[in-house]
Amino acid sequence: MNGILLMDKPAGWTSHDVVAKLRGILGERRIGHSGTLDPMATGLLVVFVGRATRAVSFSEAHEKCYTAHLRLGMVTDTQDITGTVLETHPVTVSRSELEAALVQFRGEIQQIPPMYSAIKVGGQKLYDVARRGGEVERKPRSITISQLECTGMAGEDYILEVTCSKGTYIRTLCHDIGQTLGCGGTLSALRRTRVGGYAVSEAHSMEELMSISRADAERLLLPLDSLFSEHTKIILAEKQEWLCRNGVDFQLDAADGTYRFYAPNGDFLMLAQVQNGRTSAIKRFF
């Protein structure tokens, strides 16, 4: 069983919980995912099954889109509403003032990762240190936020639409916006809506997977090459296929760029670059 399964992660589940459950449903041990979602979050989890696990790193690098709820006037130790409240403040900020503050968070910015994260510093995961009441210095990391818009309100919370690079913490973004406004802020809800070319509207619920047969579940898998759909497809000749399968670079009459390579029978073989008429494998998938 090989392919990509789009899951709509329910609230209260860890990303690891989803993988563990799917191992039983699909009868496949080789399952991984790209881009961990916190237990409180819902939405798109891209799951890789069988040989497709070789491609996890490619999906991790994709842009991700979120719908986030920002609650102003509150600061917590986890930077979301699941944590312990550290501060509360009256909120006198208008929507126009919030929108003006968002400008400085667009584009390439520096973000300090939260203590409640799986990042390792000195061989220790930060959340382990935080749970013991400790705190360590964290270096800022460069991230890119290509979209950040306030689109409305949900009760007392502002709704933010965010498109961002790998490594972005949305709860830290909410915390930092609150600090800029002077009243504090925390993440009250989060839903991931897109990862690269995949949308949550295409995803399946855990209830659906638990209610169907293994054969029906397998039919929900997307082919691995769908991950690379932005690259042009090239079908190799038999001689070129033999060279490819034996790890040998070969000449190819194609413009410089990245391509999907297929065997004559349609099997997806590899993602590769062509430069000056010669192939160079990025990743083989056979």
Protein backbone atom coordinates (compact mmCIF):
# COMPACT_ATOMS: atom_id res chain seq x y z
CA MET A 1 0.00 0.00 0.00
CA ASN A 2 1.62 3.23 -1.18
CA GLY A 3 0.36 6.79 -1.59
CA ILE A 4 -0.78 9.97 0.09
CA LEU A 5 -3.83 10.20 2.33
CA LEU A 6 -5.33 13.59 3.17
CA MET A 7 -6.76 13.60 6.69
CA ASP A 8 -8.89 16.20 8.46
CA LYS A 9 -7.41 15.95 11.95
CA PRO A 10 -10.00 16.26 14.71
CA ALA A 11 -9.48 18.42 17.77
CA GLY A 12 -8.02 16.58 20.76
CA TRP A 13 -5.93 14.20 18.66
CA THR A 14 -2.17 14.54 18.29
CA SER A 15 -0.71 14.06 14.82
CA HIS A 16 0.95 10.91 16.22
CA ASP A 17 -2.48 9.63 17.35
CA VAL A 18 -3.73 9.92 13.76
CA VAL A 19 -0.72 8.00 12.40
CA ALA A 20 -1.04 5.29 15.05
CA LYS A 21 -4.74 4.80 14.29
CA LEU A 22 -4.11 4.67 10.54
CA ARG A 23 -1.47 1.97 10.98
CA GLY A 24 -4.21 -0.28 12.33
CA ILE A 25 -6.82 0.75 9.76
CA LEU A 26 -4.52 0.39 6.74
CA GLY A 27 -2.40 -2.51 7.98
CA GLU A 28 0.79 -0.64 7.07
CA ARG A 29 3.60 0.24 9.49
CA ARG A 30 5.35 2.71 7.19
CA ILE A 31 3.23 5.80 7.78
CA GLY A 32 4.40 9.35 8.38
CA HIS A 33 3.08 12.89 8.07
CA SER A 34 4.33 16.34 7.18
CA GLY A 35 3.77 19.28 9.50
CA THR A 36 2.65 18.49 13.04
CA LEU A 37 -0.62 20.00 14.25
CA ASP A 38 -1.10 20.72 17.96
CA PRO A 39 -3.87 18.68 19.65
CA MET A 40 -6.22 21.70 19.83
CA ALA A 41 -5.87 22.33 16.08
CA THR A 42 -7.95 20.76 13.32
CA GLY A 43 -7.53 20.49 9.60
CA LEU A 44 -5.31 19.13 6.91
CA LEU A 45 -2.70 16.52 7.83
CA VAL A 46 -0.88 15.11 4.80
CA VAL A 47 -0.16 11.45 5.54
CA PHE A 48 2.35 9.34 3.62
CA VAL A 49 1.88 5.59 3.35
CA GLY A 50 4.39 2.89 2.37
CA ARG A 51 7.11 3.95 -0.08
CA ALA A 52 5.53 7.41 -0.18
CA THR A 53 7.16 8.11 3.20
CA ARG A 54 10.33 8.85 1.22
CA ALA A 55 8.68 12.12 0.14
CA VAL A 56 7.74 13.53 3.56
CA SER A 57 10.53 16.12 3.51
CA PHE A 58 9.23 17.59 0.24
CA SER A 59 5.79 18.26 1.73
CA GLU A 60 7.28 19.69 4.93
CA ALA A 61 8.84 22.46 2.85
CA HIS A 62 5.54 23.50 1.26
CA GLU A 63 3.67 26.67 2.19
CA LYS A 64 0.77 26.15 4.56
CA CYS A 65 -2.49 28.06 5.00
CA TYR A 66 -4.39 28.47 8.26
CA THR A 67 -7.52 30.04 9.67
CA ALA A 68 -6.59 31.25 13.16
CA HIS A 69 -8.64 32.88 15.90
CA LEU A 70 -6.81 35.59 17.87
CA ARG A 71 -8.04 36.44 21.35
CA LEU A 72 -6.67 39.74 22.55
CA GLY A 73 -6.22 40.67 26.22
CA MET A 74 -4.80 37.32 27.31
CA VAL A 75 -1.29 35.86 27.59
CA THR A 76 -0.70 32.16 28.37
CA ASP A 77 2.42 30.07 28.89
CA THR A 78 1.69 27.95 25.78
CA GLN A 79 0.59 30.96 23.69
CA ASP A 80 -2.80 29.31 23.14
CA ILE A 81 -5.93 28.89 25.28
CA THR A 82 -4.91 25.40 26.44
CA GLY A 83 -2.20 26.92 28.65
CA THR A 84 -2.08 28.62 32.02
CA VAL A 85 -3.15 32.26 31.93
CA LEU A 86 -0.24 34.51 32.87
CA GLU A 87 -1.76 37.93 32.19
CA THR A 88 -5.08 39.54 31.31
CA HIS A 89 -5.56 43.09 30.08
CA PRO A 90 -8.48 45.25 28.99
CA VAL A 91 -8.82 45.45 25.23
CA THR A 92 -9.39 48.85 23.66
CA VAL A 93 -7.88 47.95 20.28
CA SER A 94 -10.04 48.58 17.21
CA ARG A 95 -10.06 46.37 14.13
CA SER A 96 -8.34 49.10 12.13
CA GLU A 97 -5.55 49.24 14.73
CA LEU A 98 -5.18 45.47 14.54
CA GLU A 99 -5.00 45.58 10.75
CA ALA A 100 -2.34 48.29 10.92
CA ALA A 101 -0.28 46.12 13.29
CA LEU A 102 -0.46 43.13 10.93
CA VAL A 103 1.64 44.94 8.32
CA GLN A 104 4.89 44.39 10.24
CA PHE A 105 4.29 40.63 10.36
CA ARG A 106 4.07 40.15 6.59
CA GLY A 107 7.01 39.06 4.47
CA GLU A 108 10.24 37.64 5.85
CA ILE A 109 10.36 38.16 9.61
CA GLN A 110 12.17 36.81 12.66
CA GLN A 111 10.23 34.61 15.08
CA ILE A 112 11.38 33.21 18.43
CA PRO A 113 10.03 29.64 18.81
CA PRO A 114 7.83 29.03 21.86
CA MET A 115 9.03 27.10 24.88
CA TYR A 116 6.18 24.64 24.39
CA SER A 117 7.58 23.14 21.17
CA ALA A 118 9.49 20.03 20.13
CA ILE A 119 12.58 21.98 19.11
CA LYS A 120 15.73 20.71 20.80
CA VAL A 121 18.20 23.02 22.55
CA GLY A 122 21.21 21.40 24.16
CA GLY A 123 19.77 17.96 23.45
CA GLN A 124 16.52 18.67 25.32
CA LYS A 125 13.09 19.26 23.83
CA LEU A 126 11.86 22.68 24.82
CA TYR A 127 8.47 21.43 26.02
CA ASP A 128 10.20 19.07 28.47
CA VAL A 129 12.11 22.02 29.94
CA ALA A 130 8.93 24.14 30.02
CA ARG A 131 6.95 21.44 31.83
CA ARG A 132 9.62 21.44 34.56
CA GLY A 133 9.13 25.17 34.92
CA GLY A 134 12.34 26.06 33.11
CA GLU A 135 13.13 28.35 30.23
CA VAL A 136 16.11 28.54 27.88
CA GLU A 137 17.21 31.14 25.39
CA ARG A 138 15.95 30.51 21.87
CA LYS A 139 17.46 32.01 18.76
CA PRO A 140 15.10 33.82 16.38
CA ARG A 141 14.39 31.99 13.12
CA SER A 142 13.62 33.44 9.73
CA ILE A 143 10.12 32.65 8.48
CA THR A 144 8.01 34.06 5.66
CA ILE A 145 4.38 35.09 6.00
CA SER A 146 3.08 35.70 2.50
CA GLN A 147 -0.52 36.37 3.57
CA LEU A 148 -1.90 37.75 6.84
CA GLU A 149 -5.39 39.23 6.79
CA CYS A 150 -8.12 39.87 9.31
CA THR A 151 -11.33 38.60 7.72
CA GLY A 152 -13.86 39.06 10.52
CA MET A 153 -14.74 38.06 14.05
CA ALA A 154 -15.97 34.93 15.83
CA GLY A 155 -17.48 36.12 19.08
CA GLU A 156 -14.75 38.09 20.86
CA ASP A 157 -11.98 36.67 18.64
CA TYR A 158 -10.53 38.08 15.44
CA ILE A 159 -10.29 35.68 12.49
CA LEU A 160 -6.93 35.69 10.70
CA GLU A 161 -6.12 34.04 7.37
CA VAL A 162 -2.43 33.11 7.27
CA THR A 163 -0.20 31.67 4.56
CA CYS A 164 3.29 30.94 5.79
CA SER A 165 6.51 29.02 5.35
CA LYS A 166 7.77 25.94 7.10
CA GLY A 167 8.65 26.48 10.75
CA THR A 168 6.04 29.16 11.47
CA TYR A 169 4.26 28.94 14.83
CA ILE A 170 0.80 30.47 14.50
CA ARG A 171 0.36 30.68 18.27
CA THR A 172 3.60 32.62 18.52
CA LEU A 173 2.36 34.90 15.75
CA CYS A 174 -0.81 35.58 17.78
CA HIS A 175 1.27 36.16 20.92
CA ASP A 176 3.57 38.58 19.11
CA ILE A 177 0.66 40.51 17.57
CA GLY A 178 -0.80 40.90 21.07
CA GLN A 179 2.52 42.16 22.41
CA THR A 180 2.73 44.71 19.60
CA LEU A 181 -0.76 45.97 20.43
CA GLY A 182 0.14 46.21 24.12
CA CYS A 183 -2.73 44.10 25.41
CA GLY A 184 -1.43 40.57 24.88
CA GLY A 185 -2.88 37.92 22.62
CA THR A 186 -3.31 34.18 22.38
CA LEU A 187 -4.44 31.62 19.83
CA SER A 188 -7.98 30.44 20.58
CA ALA A 189 -8.60 28.17 17.57
CA LEU A 190 -6.63 26.93 14.58
CA ARG A 191 -7.53 25.11 11.38
CA ARG A 192 -5.05 24.22 8.65
CA THR A 193 -6.75 24.64 5.28
CA ARG A 194 -3.99 23.97 2.75
CA VAL A 195 -0.56 22.36 2.40
CA GLY A 196 1.11 23.05 -0.94
CA GLY A 197 -1.38 21.99 -3.60
CA TYR A 198 -3.61 20.00 -1.22
CA ALA A 199 -6.75 21.50 0.36
CA VAL A 200 -8.67 20.41 3.45
CA SER A 201 -11.81 20.20 1.30
CA GLU A 202 -10.24 17.05 -0.22
CA ALA A 203 -9.47 15.49 3.16
CA HIS A 204 -11.17 12.57 4.91
CA SER A 205 -12.37 12.38 8.51
CA MET A 206 -11.21 9.75 10.96
CA GLU A 207 -14.83 8.62 11.32
CA GLU A 208 -14.94 7.91 7.58
CA LEU A 209 -11.73 5.87 7.68
CA MET A 210 -12.94 3.87 10.67
CA SER A 211 -16.23 2.99 8.97
CA ILE A 212 -14.94 1.53 5.70
CA SER A 213 -12.98 -1.57 4.67
CA ARG A 214 -9.23 -1.61 4.18
CA ALA A 215 -9.72 -1.99 0.43
CA ASP A 216 -11.99 1.07 0.32
CA ALA A 217 -9.49 3.01 2.44
CA GLU A 218 -6.71 2.15 0.00
CA ARG A 219 -8.77 3.61 -2.84
CA LEU A 220 -8.68 6.98 -1.04
CA LEU A 221 -4.90 7.20 -1.43
CA LEU A 222 -3.61 9.76 -3.88
CA PRO A 223 -0.67 8.77 -6.07
CA LEU A 224 2.71 9.95 -4.80
CA ASP A 225 3.41 11.95 -7.95
CA SER A 226 0.48 14.26 -7.11
CA LEU A 227 2.90 15.89 -4.65
CA PHE A 228 4.96 17.13 -7.60
CA SER A 229 2.17 18.10 -9.99
CA GLU A 230 3.72 21.51 -10.70
CA HIS A 231 6.61 19.81 -12.53
CA THR A 232 6.37 18.62 -16.15
CA LYS A 233 5.97 14.88 -16.78
CA ILE A 234 8.48 13.03 -18.97
CA ILE A 235 8.03 9.39 -20.07
CA LEU A 236 11.39 7.70 -20.55
CA ALA A 237 12.40 5.26 -23.27
CA GLU A 238 13.23 1.70 -22.18
CA LYS A 239 16.99 2.33 -22.27
CA GLN A 240 16.60 5.47 -20.18
CA GLU A 241 14.38 3.58 -17.72
CA TRP A 242 17.10 0.95 -17.29
CA LEU A 243 19.69 3.66 -16.60
CA CYS A 244 17.35 5.36 -14.16
CA ARG A 245 16.61 2.17 -12.23
CA ASN A 246 20.33 1.45 -11.99
CA GLY A 247 21.17 4.87 -10.61
CA VAL A 248 22.91 6.13 -13.75
CA ASP A 249 22.52 9.73 -14.93
CA PHE A 250 21.84 10.06 -18.66
CA GLN A 251 21.54 12.56 -21.49
CA LEU A 252 18.10 13.98 -22.20
CA ASP A 253 16.90 16.51 -24.73
CA ALA A 254 15.00 18.82 -22.39
CA ALA A 255 15.29 22.39 -21.13
CA ASP A 256 16.94 22.96 -17.78
CA GLY A 257 14.51 22.40 -14.91
CA THR A 258 12.90 19.89 -12.57
CA TYR A 259 10.79 17.05 -14.00
CA ARG A 260 8.76 14.00 -13.06
CA PHE A 261 10.15 10.89 -14.77
CA TYR A 262 8.03 7.85 -15.62
CA ALA A 263 8.63 4.38 -17.03
CA PRO A 264 6.98 3.47 -20.36
CA ASN A 265 4.32 1.55 -18.40
CA GLY A 266 3.42 4.70 -16.41
CA ASP A 267 5.25 3.91 -13.15
CA PHE A 268 6.52 7.04 -11.41
CA LEU A 269 10.28 6.65 -11.08
CA MET A 270 11.84 9.80 -9.77
CA LEU A 271 11.95 13.55 -9.43
CA ALA A 272 15.05 14.83 -11.20
CA GLN A 273 16.75 17.91 -12.54
CA VAL A 274 17.96 18.42 -16.07
CA GLN A 275 20.92 20.70 -16.53
CA ASN A 276 22.81 21.17 -19.77
CA GLY A 277 21.04 18.14 -21.23
CA ARG A 278 21.93 15.73 -18.42
CA THR A 279 19.69 14.29 -15.71
CA SER A 280 20.46 14.32 -12.01
CA ALA A 281 18.13 12.53 -9.58
CA ILE A 282 16.64 14.54 -6.73
CA LYS A 283 14.80 11.54 -5.28
CA ARG A 284 14.05 8.05 -6.61
CA PHE A 285 10.75 6.42 -5.65
CA PHE A 286 10.97 2.87 -7.02
